[in-house]
PDB file of N, CA and C in Angstrom:
ATOM      1  N   MET A   1       7.602   9.016  -0.589  1.00  0.00           N
ATOM      2  CA  MET A   1       5.540   9.242  -0.610  1.00  0.00           C
ATOM      3  C   MET A   1       5.800   9.252   0.602  1.00  0.00           C
ATOM      4  N   ALA A   2       5.285  10.491   1.849  1.00  0.00           N
ATOM      5  CA  ALA A   2       5.942   9.780   3.227  1.00  0.00           C
ATOM      6  C   ALA A   2       4.852  10.194   3.944  1.00  0.00           C
ATOM      7  N   ILE A   3       3.160   8.984   4.657  1.00  0.00           N
ATOM      8  CA  ILE A   3       2.862   9.052   5.351  1.00  0.00           C
ATOM      9  C   ILE A   3       2.864   8.583   6.574  1.00  0.00           C
ATOM     10  N   GLU A   4       2.211   9.933   7.745  1.00  0.00           N
ATOM     11  CA  GLU A   4       1.989   9.375   8.740  1.00  0.00           C
ATOM     12  C   GLU A   4       0.599   8.239   9.720  1.00  0.00           C
ATOM     13  N   VAL A   5       0.769   6.806  10.176  1.00  0.00           N
ATOM     14  CA  VAL A   5      -0.458   6.199  10.531  1.00  0.00           C
ATOM     15  C   VAL A   5      -0.118   6.538  11.845  1.00  0.00           C
ATOM     16  N   ARG A   6      -1.079   6.762  12.114  1.00  0.00           N
ATOM     17  CA  ARG A   6      -1.600   6.936  13.917  1.00  0.00           C
ATOM     18  C   ARG A   6      -2.414   5.751  14.396  1.00  0.00           C
ATOM     19  N   ILE A   7      -1.387   5.118  15.402  1.00  0.00           N
ATOM     20  CA  ILE A   7      -2.392   3.088  15.274  1.00  0.00           C
ATOM     21  C   ILE A   7      -2.348   3.529  16.681  1.00  0.00           C
ATOM     22  N   PRO A   8      -3.521   3.153  16.548  1.00  0.00           N
ATOM     23  CA  PRO A   8      -4.344   3.193  17.589  1.00  0.00           C
ATOM     24  C   PRO A   8      -3.756   2.024  19.364  1.00  0.00           C
ATOM     25  N   THR A   9      -4.155   1.456  20.583  1.00  0.00           N
ATOM     26  CA  THR A   9      -3.083   1.045  21.539  1.00  0.00           C
ATOM     27  C   THR A   9      -4.123  -0.877  20.723  1.00  0.00           C
ATOM     28  N   ILE A  10      -4.673  -0.576  20.647  1.00  0.00           N
ATOM     29  CA  ILE A  10      -5.174  -2.310  20.156  1.00  0.00           C
ATOM     30  C   ILE A  10      -4.101  -2.301  19.313  1.00  0.00           C
ATOM     31  N   LEU A  11      -3.534  -1.675  18.507  1.00  0.00           N
ATOM     32  CA  LEU A  11      -3.262  -2.329  16.984  1.00  0.00           C
ATOM     33  C   LEU A  11      -1.256  -2.713  17.019  1.00  0.00           C
ATOM     34  N   ARG A  12      -1.622  -2.012  18.500  1.00  0.00           N
ATOM     35  CA  ARG A  12       0.179  -1.284  18.638  1.00  0.00           C
ATOM     36  C   ARG A  12       1.049  -2.508  19.136  1.00  0.00           C
ATOM     37  N   THR A  13       0.478  -3.672  19.421  1.00  0.00           N
ATOM     38  CA  THR A  13       0.574  -5.107  19.142  1.00  0.00           C
ATOM     39  C   THR A  13       1.901  -5.884  17.992  1.00  0.00           C
ATOM     40  N   TYR A  14       1.326  -4.719  16.716  1.00  0.00           N
ATOM     41  CA  TYR A  14       1.997  -5.218  14.823  1.00  0.00           C
ATOM     42  C   TYR A  14       2.796  -4.307  14.786  1.00  0.00           C
ATOM     43  N   THR A  15       2.810  -2.720  15.373  1.00  0.00           N
ATOM     44  CA  THR A  15       3.641  -2.056  15.108  1.00  0.00           C
ATOM     45  C   THR A  15       5.045  -2.459  16.672  1.00  0.00           C
ATOM     46  N   ASP A  16       5.293  -3.289  16.974  1.00  0.00           N
ATOM     47  CA  ASP A  16       6.479  -3.370  18.491  1.00  0.00           C
ATOM     48  C   ASP A  16       5.894  -1.311  19.069  1.00  0.00           C
ATOM     49  N   GLY A  17       4.588  -1.557  19.305  1.00  0.00           N
ATOM     50  CA  GLY A  17       4.346  -0.824  20.572  1.00  0.00           C
ATOM     51  C   GLY A  17       4.505   0.511  19.477  1.00  0.00           C
ATOM     52  N   ALA A  18       4.790   1.490  18.796  1.00  0.00           N
ATOM     53  CA  ALA A  18       4.838   2.557  18.011  1.00  0.00           C
ATOM     54  C   ALA A  18       3.879   3.336  17.900  1.00  0.00           C
ATOM     55  N   LYS A  19       3.004   4.619  18.761  1.00  0.00           N
ATOM     56  CA  LYS A  19       1.511   5.076  18.131  1.00  0.00           C
ATOM     57  C   LYS A  19       1.821   5.486  17.342  1.00  0.00           C
ATOM     58  N   ALA A  20       3.104   5.192  16.945  1.00  0.00           N
ATOM     59  CA  ALA A  20       3.329   6.285  14.288  1.00  0.00           C
ATOM     60  C   ALA A  20       3.823   5.399  13.296  1.00  0.00           C
ATOM     61  N   VAL A  21       3.565   4.922  13.186  1.00  0.00           N
ATOM     62  CA  VAL A  21       4.733   4.764  11.191  1.00  0.00           C
ATOM     63  C   VAL A  21       4.238   5.208  10.989  1.00  0.00           C
ATOM     64  N   GLU A  22       5.020   5.526   9.951  1.00  0.00           N
ATOM     65  CA  GLU A  22       6.314   6.034   8.709  1.00  0.00           C
ATOM     66  C   GLU A  22       5.433   5.015   7.319  1.00  0.00           C
ATOM     67  N   GLY A  23       3.948   5.507   6.231  1.00  0.00           N
ATOM     68  CA  GLY A  23       4.330   3.986   4.988  1.00  0.00           C
ATOM     69  C   GLY A  23       4.424   5.219   4.344  1.00  0.00           C
ATOM     70  N   LYS A  24       4.066   4.368   2.601  1.00  0.00           N
ATOM     71  CA  LYS A  24       3.637   4.842   1.627  1.00  0.00           C
ATOM     72  C   LYS A  24       3.014   4.577   0.688  1.00  0.00           C
ATOM     73  N   GLY A  25       2.665   5.726  -0.702  1.00  0.00           N
ATOM     74  CA  GLY A  25       1.061   4.427  -1.428  1.00  0.00           C
ATOM     75  C   GLY A  25       0.524   5.480  -2.298  1.00  0.00           C
ATOM     76  N   ASP A  26       0.297   5.090  -3.149  1.00  0.00           N
ATOM     77  CA  ASP A  26      -0.473   6.103  -4.036  1.00  0.00           C
ATOM     78  C   ASP A  26      -2.223   6.061  -3.910  1.00  0.00           C
ATOM     79  N   THR A  27      -2.559   4.994  -2.914  1.00  0.00           N
ATOM     80  CA  THR A  27      -3.463   5.024  -2.186  1.00  0.00           C
ATOM     81  C   THR A  27      -3.446   4.766  -0.776  1.00  0.00           C
ATOM     82  N   LEU A  28      -4.545   4.912   0.058  1.00  0.00           N
ATOM     83  CA  LEU A  28      -5.267   3.945   1.189  1.00  0.00           C
ATOM     84  C   LEU A  28      -4.492   2.287   1.428  1.00  0.00           C
ATOM     85  N   ALA A  29      -5.837   1.785   0.109  1.00  0.00           N
ATOM     86  CA  ALA A  29      -4.812  -0.292  -0.210  1.00  0.00           C
ATOM     87  C   ALA A  29      -3.906  -0.119   0.002  1.00  0.00           C
ATOM     88  N   ASP A  30      -2.761   0.976  -0.415  1.00  0.00           N
ATOM     89  CA  ASP A  30      -1.594   0.901  -1.099  1.00  0.00           C
ATOM     90  C   ASP A  30      -1.410   1.073  -0.594  1.00  0.00           C
ATOM     91  N   LEU A  31      -0.891   2.010   1.073  1.00  0.00           N
ATOM     92  CA  LEU A  31      -0.667   1.675   2.512  1.00  0.00           C
ATOM     93  C   LEU A  31      -0.794   0.711   3.265  1.00  0.00           C
ATOM     94  N   LEU A  32      -2.518   0.442   3.386  1.00  0.00           N
ATOM     95  CA  LEU A  32      -1.784  -1.107   4.042  1.00  0.00           C
ATOM     96  C   LEU A  32      -1.165  -2.255   3.645  1.00  0.00           C
ATOM     97  N   THR A  33      -0.314  -2.068   2.071  1.00  0.00           N
ATOM     98  CA  THR A  33      -0.591  -3.196   2.326  1.00  0.00           C
ATOM     99  C   THR A  33       1.347  -2.593   2.005  1.00  0.00           C
ATOM    100  N   ASP A  34       2.020  -1.508   2.281  1.00  0.00           N
ATOM    101  CA  ASP A  34       3.462  -1.506   2.569  1.00  0.00           C
ATOM    102  C   ASP A  34       3.443  -1.272   4.991  1.00  0.00           C
ATOM    103  N   LEU A  35       2.242  -1.872   4.309  1.00  0.00           N
ATOM    104  CA  LEU A  35       2.070  -1.521   6.602  1.00  0.00           C
ATOM    105  C   LEU A  35       2.440  -3.039   6.914  1.00  0.00           C
ATOM    106  N   GLU A  36       1.910  -3.258   6.127  1.00  0.00           N
ATOM    107  CA  GLU A  36       1.886  -5.361   5.835  1.00  0.00           C
ATOM    108  C   GLU A  36       2.584  -5.964   6.232  1.00  0.00           C
ATOM    109  N   SER A  37       3.320  -5.610   4.816  1.00  0.00           N
ATOM    110  CA  SER A  37       5.074  -5.254   4.146  1.00  0.00           C
ATOM    111  C   SER A  37       5.980  -5.966   6.271  1.00  0.00           C
ATOM    112  N   ARG A  38       5.444  -4.950   6.608  1.00  0.00           N
ATOM    113  CA  ARG A  38       6.431  -4.246   7.743  1.00  0.00           C
ATOM    114  C   ARG A  38       5.933  -4.464   9.252  1.00  0.00           C
ATOM    115  N   HIS A  39       4.739  -4.226   9.758  1.00  0.00           N
ATOM    116  CA  HIS A  39       4.095  -4.958  10.684  1.00  0.00           C
ATOM    117  C   HIS A  39       3.451  -5.720  10.181  1.00  0.00           C
ATOM    118  N   THR A  40       2.889  -7.273   9.894  1.00  0.00           N
ATOM    119  CA  THR A  40       2.431  -8.166   9.464  1.00  0.00           C
ATOM    120  C   THR A  40       1.619  -8.660  10.824  1.00  0.00           C
ATOM    121  N   GLY A  41       0.613  -8.482  10.300  1.00  0.00           N
ATOM    122  CA  GLY A  41      -0.932  -9.041  10.454  1.00  0.00           C
ATOM    123  C   GLY A  41      -1.586  -8.186  10.603  1.00  0.00           C
ATOM    124  N   ILE A  42      -1.710  -6.565  10.873  1.00  0.00           N
ATOM    125  CA  ILE A  42      -2.018  -5.364  10.803  1.00  0.00           C
ATOM    126  C   ILE A  42      -3.126  -5.457   9.856  1.00  0.00           C
ATOM    127  N   ARG A  43      -3.354  -5.068   8.303  1.00  0.00           N
ATOM    128  CA  ARG A  43      -3.501  -5.361   7.317  1.00  0.00           C
ATOM    129  C   ARG A  43      -5.098  -5.446   7.200  1.00  0.00           C
ATOM    130  N   GLU A  44      -5.411  -7.401   8.202  1.00  0.00           N
ATOM    131  CA  GLU A  44      -6.362  -7.961   8.353  1.00  0.00           C
ATOM    132  C   GLU A  44      -6.889  -7.723   9.439  1.00  0.00           C
ATOM    133  N   ARG A  45      -6.560  -6.844  10.304  1.00  0.00           N
ATOM    134  CA  ARG A  45      -7.690  -6.524  11.624  1.00  0.00           C
ATOM    135  C   ARG A  45      -8.297  -4.524  10.772  1.00  0.00           C
ATOM    136  N   ILE A  46      -8.411  -4.484  10.123  1.00  0.00           N
ATOM    137  CA  ILE A  46      -8.329  -3.529   9.582  1.00  0.00           C
ATOM    138  C   ILE A  46      -9.236  -3.171   8.261  1.00  0.00           C
ATOM    139  N   VAL A  47      -8.476  -4.684   6.953  1.00  0.00           N
ATOM    140  CA  VAL A  47      -9.856  -4.386   6.050  1.00  0.00           C
ATOM    141  C   VAL A  47     -10.517  -6.261   6.325  1.00  0.00           C
ATOM    142  N   ASP A  48     -11.411  -6.639   4.983  1.00  0.00           N
ATOM    143  CA  ASP A  48     -12.303  -7.294   5.634  1.00  0.00           C
ATOM    144  C   ASP A  48     -11.720  -7.793   3.871  1.00  0.00           C
ATOM    145  N   GLY A  49     -11.401  -8.904   2.994  1.00  0.00           N
ATOM    146  CA  GLY A  49     -11.104  -8.759   1.488  1.00  0.00           C
ATOM    147  C   GLY A  49     -10.619  -7.528   1.077  1.00  0.00           C
ATOM    148  N   ASP A  50     -11.247  -6.864   0.462  1.00  0.00           N
ATOM    149  CA  ASP A  50     -11.808  -5.050  -0.392  1.00  0.00           C
ATOM    150  C   ASP A  50     -11.632  -3.879   0.555  1.00  0.00           C
ATOM    151  N   GLU A  51     -12.495  -4.049   1.640  1.00  0.00           N
ATOM    152  CA  GLU A  51     -13.559  -3.120   1.661  1.00  0.00           C
ATOM    153  C   GLU A  51     -13.192  -2.944   3.942  1.00  0.00           C
ATOM    154  N   LEU A  52     -12.839  -1.636   4.676  1.00  0.00           N
ATOM    155  CA  LEU A  52     -13.021  -1.451   5.331  1.00  0.00           C
ATOM    156  C   LEU A  52     -13.905  -1.908   6.350  1.00  0.00           C
ATOM    157  N   ARG A  53     -13.080  -3.023   7.477  1.00  0.00           N
ATOM    158  CA  ARG A  53     -13.778  -4.202   8.338  1.00  0.00           C
ATOM    159  C   ARG A  53     -14.998  -2.376   8.639  1.00  0.00           C
ATOM    160  N   ARG A  54     -16.346  -2.719   8.901  1.00  0.00           N
ATOM    161  CA  ARG A  54     -17.299  -1.782   9.739  1.00  0.00           C
ATOM    162  C   ARG A  54     -16.512  -1.078  11.067  1.00  0.00           C
ATOM    163  N   PHE A  55     -16.082  -1.861  11.792  1.00  0.00           N
ATOM    164  CA  PHE A  55     -15.943  -1.230  12.702  1.00  0.00           C
ATOM    165  C   PHE A  55     -15.055  -0.749  13.182  1.00  0.00           C
ATOM    166  N   VAL A  56     -14.255  -0.103  12.354  1.00  0.00           N
ATOM    167  CA  VAL A  56     -13.008   0.669  11.858  1.00  0.00           C
ATOM    168  C   VAL A  56     -13.150   1.404  11.191  1.00  0.00           C
ATOM    169  N   ASN A  57     -12.607   3.334  11.405  1.00  0.00           N
ATOM    170  CA  ASN A  57     -12.725   3.902  10.790  1.00  0.00           C
ATOM    171  C   ASN A  57     -11.072   4.746  10.845  1.00  0.00           C
ATOM    172  N   VAL A  58     -11.045   4.823   9.170  1.00  0.00           N
ATOM    173  CA  VAL A  58      -9.749   5.221   8.871  1.00  0.00           C
ATOM    174  C   VAL A  58     -10.052   7.251   7.980  1.00  0.00           C
ATOM    175  N   TYR A  59      -9.671   8.069   8.848  1.00  0.00           N
ATOM    176  CA  TYR A  59      -9.358   9.540   8.519  1.00  0.00           C
ATOM    177  C   TYR A  59      -7.935   9.600   8.349  1.00  0.00           C
ATOM    178  N   LEU A  60      -7.995  10.781   6.633  1.00  0.00           N
ATOM    179  CA  LEU A  60      -7.592  10.947   5.896  1.00  0.00           C
ATOM    180  C   LEU A  60      -7.754  12.575   6.929  1.00  0.00           C
ATOM    181  N   ASN A  61      -6.673  13.043   6.970  1.00  0.00           N
ATOM    182  CA  ASN A  61      -6.023  14.572   7.920  1.00  0.00           C
ATOM    183  C   ASN A  61      -7.382  14.553   8.418  1.00  0.00           C
ATOM    184  N   ASP A  62      -8.422  14.161   9.046  1.00  0.00           N
ATOM    185  CA  ASP A  62      -9.479  14.342   9.683  1.00  0.00           C
ATOM    186  C   ASP A  62     -10.656  13.958   9.238  1.00  0.00           C
ATOM    187  N   GLU A  63     -10.459  13.879   7.798  1.00  0.00           N
ATOM    188  CA  GLU A  63     -11.497  13.446   6.880  1.00  0.00           C
ATOM    189  C   GLU A  63     -12.079  11.881   6.928  1.00  0.00           C
ATOM    190  N   ASP A  64     -13.224  12.009   7.247  1.00  0.00           N
ATOM    191  CA  ASP A  64     -13.885   9.977   7.154  1.00  0.00           C
ATOM    192  C   ASP A  64     -13.428  10.134   6.262  1.00  0.00           C
ATOM    193  N   VAL A  65     -12.681   8.045   5.335  1.00  0.00           N
ATOM    194  CA  VAL A  65     -12.867   8.338   4.555  1.00  0.00           C
ATOM    195  C   VAL A  65     -14.020   7.789   4.217  1.00  0.00           C
ATOM    196  N   ARG A  66     -14.638   6.863   4.265  1.00  0.00           N
ATOM    197  CA  ARG A  66     -15.911   6.610   4.246  1.00  0.00           C
ATOM    198  C   ARG A  66     -17.130   7.454   2.941  1.00  0.00           C
ATOM    199  N   PHE A  67     -16.367   8.210   3.203  1.00  0.00           N
ATOM    200  CA  PHE A  67     -16.535   9.579   2.668  1.00  0.00           C
ATOM    201  C   PHE A  67     -16.060  10.042   1.624  1.00  0.00           C
ATOM    202  N   LEU A  68     -14.935   9.454   0.911  1.00  0.00           N
ATOM    203  CA  LEU A  68     -14.079  10.187   0.682  1.00  0.00           C
ATOM    204  C   LEU A  68     -14.284   8.819  -0.859  1.00  0.00           C
ATOM    205  N   ASP A  69     -13.305   8.285  -1.116  1.00  0.00           N
ATOM    206  CA  ASP A  69     -13.167   7.479  -1.926  1.00  0.00           C
ATOM    207  C   ASP A  69     -13.436   5.418  -1.550  1.00  0.00           C
ATOM    208  N   GLY A  70     -13.083   5.778   0.244  1.00  0.00           N
ATOM    209  CA  GLY A  70     -12.732   4.466   0.324  1.00  0.00           C
ATOM    210  C   GLY A  70     -11.473   4.159   0.459  1.00  0.00           C
ATOM    211  N   ILE A  71     -11.282   3.061   0.252  1.00  0.00           N
ATOM    212  CA  ILE A  71     -10.450   1.854   0.930  1.00  0.00           C
ATOM    213  C   ILE A  71      -8.780   2.364  -0.588  1.00  0.00           C
ATOM    214  N   SER A  72     -10.044   3.272  -1.460  1.00  0.00           N
ATOM    215  CA  SER A  72      -8.677   3.967  -3.076  1.00  0.00           C
ATOM    216  C   SER A  72      -9.356   4.589  -2.740  1.00  0.00           C
ATOM    217  N   THR A  73      -8.790   5.840  -1.661  1.00  0.00           N
ATOM    218  CA  THR A  73      -8.786   7.338  -1.671  1.00  0.00           C
ATOM    219  C   THR A  73      -7.682   7.980  -1.672  1.00  0.00           C
ATOM    220  N   ALA A  74      -7.328   8.668  -2.586  1.00  0.00           N
ATOM    221  CA  ALA A  74      -5.507   8.678  -2.673  1.00  0.00           C
ATOM    222  C   ALA A  74      -5.012   8.813  -1.550  1.00  0.00           C
ATOM    223  N   LEU A  75      -4.091   8.954  -1.917  1.00  0.00           N
ATOM    224  CA  LEU A  75      -3.088   9.678  -0.581  1.00  0.00           C
ATOM    225  C   LEU A  75      -2.186  10.547  -1.613  1.00  0.00           C
ATOM    226  N   SER A  76      -1.153  11.812  -0.332  1.00  0.00           N
ATOM    227  CA  SER A  76      -0.899  12.336  -0.859  1.00  0.00           C
ATOM    228  C   SER A  76       0.515  12.857  -0.539  1.00  0.00           C
ATOM    229  N   ASP A  77       1.915  13.512  -0.751  1.00  0.00           N
ATOM    230  CA  ASP A  77       2.893  12.934   0.168  1.00  0.00           C
ATOM    231  C   ASP A  77       2.278  13.914   2.101  1.00  0.00           C
ATOM    232  N   GLY A  78       2.774  13.696   2.563  1.00  0.00           N
ATOM    233  CA  GLY A  78       2.757  14.500   4.412  1.00  0.00           C
ATOM    234  C   GLY A  78       1.166  14.115   5.148  1.00  0.00           C
ATOM    235  N   ASP A  79       0.397  13.723   3.805  1.00  0.00           N
ATOM    236  CA  ASP A  79      -0.992  13.669   4.812  1.00  0.00           C
ATOM    237  C   ASP A  79      -0.990  12.476   5.423  1.00  0.00           C
ATOM    238  N   SER A  80      -1.835  12.817   6.442  1.00  0.00           N
ATOM    239  CA  SER A  80      -2.161  11.776   7.876  1.00  0.00           C
ATOM    240  C   SER A  80      -2.807  10.653   7.774  1.00  0.00           C
ATOM    241  N   ILE A  81      -3.138   9.512   8.178  1.00  0.00           N
ATOM    242  CA  ILE A  81      -4.204   8.219   8.686  1.00  0.00           C
ATOM    243  C   ILE A  81      -4.108   8.366   9.967  1.00  0.00           C
ATOM    244  N   THR A  82      -5.221   8.147   9.941  1.00  0.00           N
ATOM    245  CA  THR A  82      -5.943   8.359  11.835  1.00  0.00           C
ATOM    246  C   THR A  82      -6.528   6.496  11.940  1.00  0.00           C
ATOM    247  N   ILE A  83      -6.005   5.252  12.148  1.00  0.00           N
ATOM    248  CA  ILE A  83      -6.604   4.003  12.949  1.00  0.00           C
ATOM    249  C   ILE A  83      -7.350   3.809  14.022  1.00  0.00           C
ATOM    250  N   LEU A  84      -8.917   4.277  14.068  1.00  0.00           N
ATOM    251  CA  LEU A  84     -10.020   4.421  14.987  1.00  0.00           C
ATOM    252  C   LEU A  84     -10.709   2.944  14.634  1.00  0.00           C
ATOM    253  N   PRO A  85     -10.329   2.114  15.631  1.00  0.00           N
ATOM    254  CA  PRO A  85     -11.340   0.671  16.100  1.00  0.00           C
ATOM    255  C   PRO A  85     -12.581   1.832  16.338  1.00  0.00           C
ATOM    256  N   ALA A  86     -14.147   1.011  16.691  1.00  0.00           N
ATOM    257  CA  ALA A  86     -14.891   1.534  17.245  1.00  0.00           C
ATOM    258  C   ALA A  86     -14.993   0.664  18.496  1.00  0.00           C
ATOM    259  N   VAL A  87     -15.160   1.175  19.673  1.00  0.00           N
ATOM    260  CA  VAL A  87     -15.259   0.896  20.725  1.00  0.00           C
ATOM    261  C   VAL A  87     -16.222   0.229  22.057  1.00  0.00           C
ATOM    262  N   ALA A  88     -17.106  -0.643  21.591  1.00  0.00           N
ATOM    263  CA  ALA A  88     -17.892  -1.285  22.241  1.00  0.00           C
ATOM    264  C   ALA A  88     -18.582  -1.233  24.045  1.00  0.00           C
ATOM    265  N   GLY A  89     -19.583  -0.789  24.611  1.00  0.00           N
ATOM    266  CA  GLY A  89     -19.774  -1.700  25.701  1.00  0.00           C
ATOM    267  C   GLY A  89     -19.865  -0.387  27.374  1.00  0.00           C
ATOM    268  N   GLY A  90     -20.327  -1.087  28.159  1.00  0.00           N
ATOM    269  CA  GLY A  90     -21.494  -0.387  29.215  1.00  0.00           C
ATOM    270  C   GLY A  90     -21.074  -0.592  30.359  1.00  0.00           C
ATOM    271  N   MET A  91     -22.692   0.266  31.322  1.00  0.00           N
ATOM    272  CA  MET A  91     -22.586  -0.662  31.975  1.00  0.00           C
ATOM    273  C   MET A  91     -24.026  -1.349  31.578  1.00  0.00           C
ATOM    274  N   ASN A  92     -24.415  -2.399  31.958  1.00  0.00           N
ATOM    275  CA  ASN A  92     -26.344  -2.648  31.783  1.00  0.00           C
ATOM    276  C   ASN A  92     -26.885  -2.246  32.911  1.00  0.00           C
TER     277      ASN A  92
END
């Protein structure tokens, strides 16, 4: 099962600069475990314990997984995952 995972700039240090990587898994949790096996350190930047970090948004085919089954969201061959950390800042 091949799933494309789009990696934001801030996490590309874990993927040797790759904008997208392939992963596999029946659920988002399985996919993140698979990614961690090849890109050490990336999982802890996305997950805190068994939940997505508060300021990290993950989309399955453009749908926010928080409105699906969160980290337990089922995945299928050909799916696309996009990871988007929230960015804050601005002028005072």
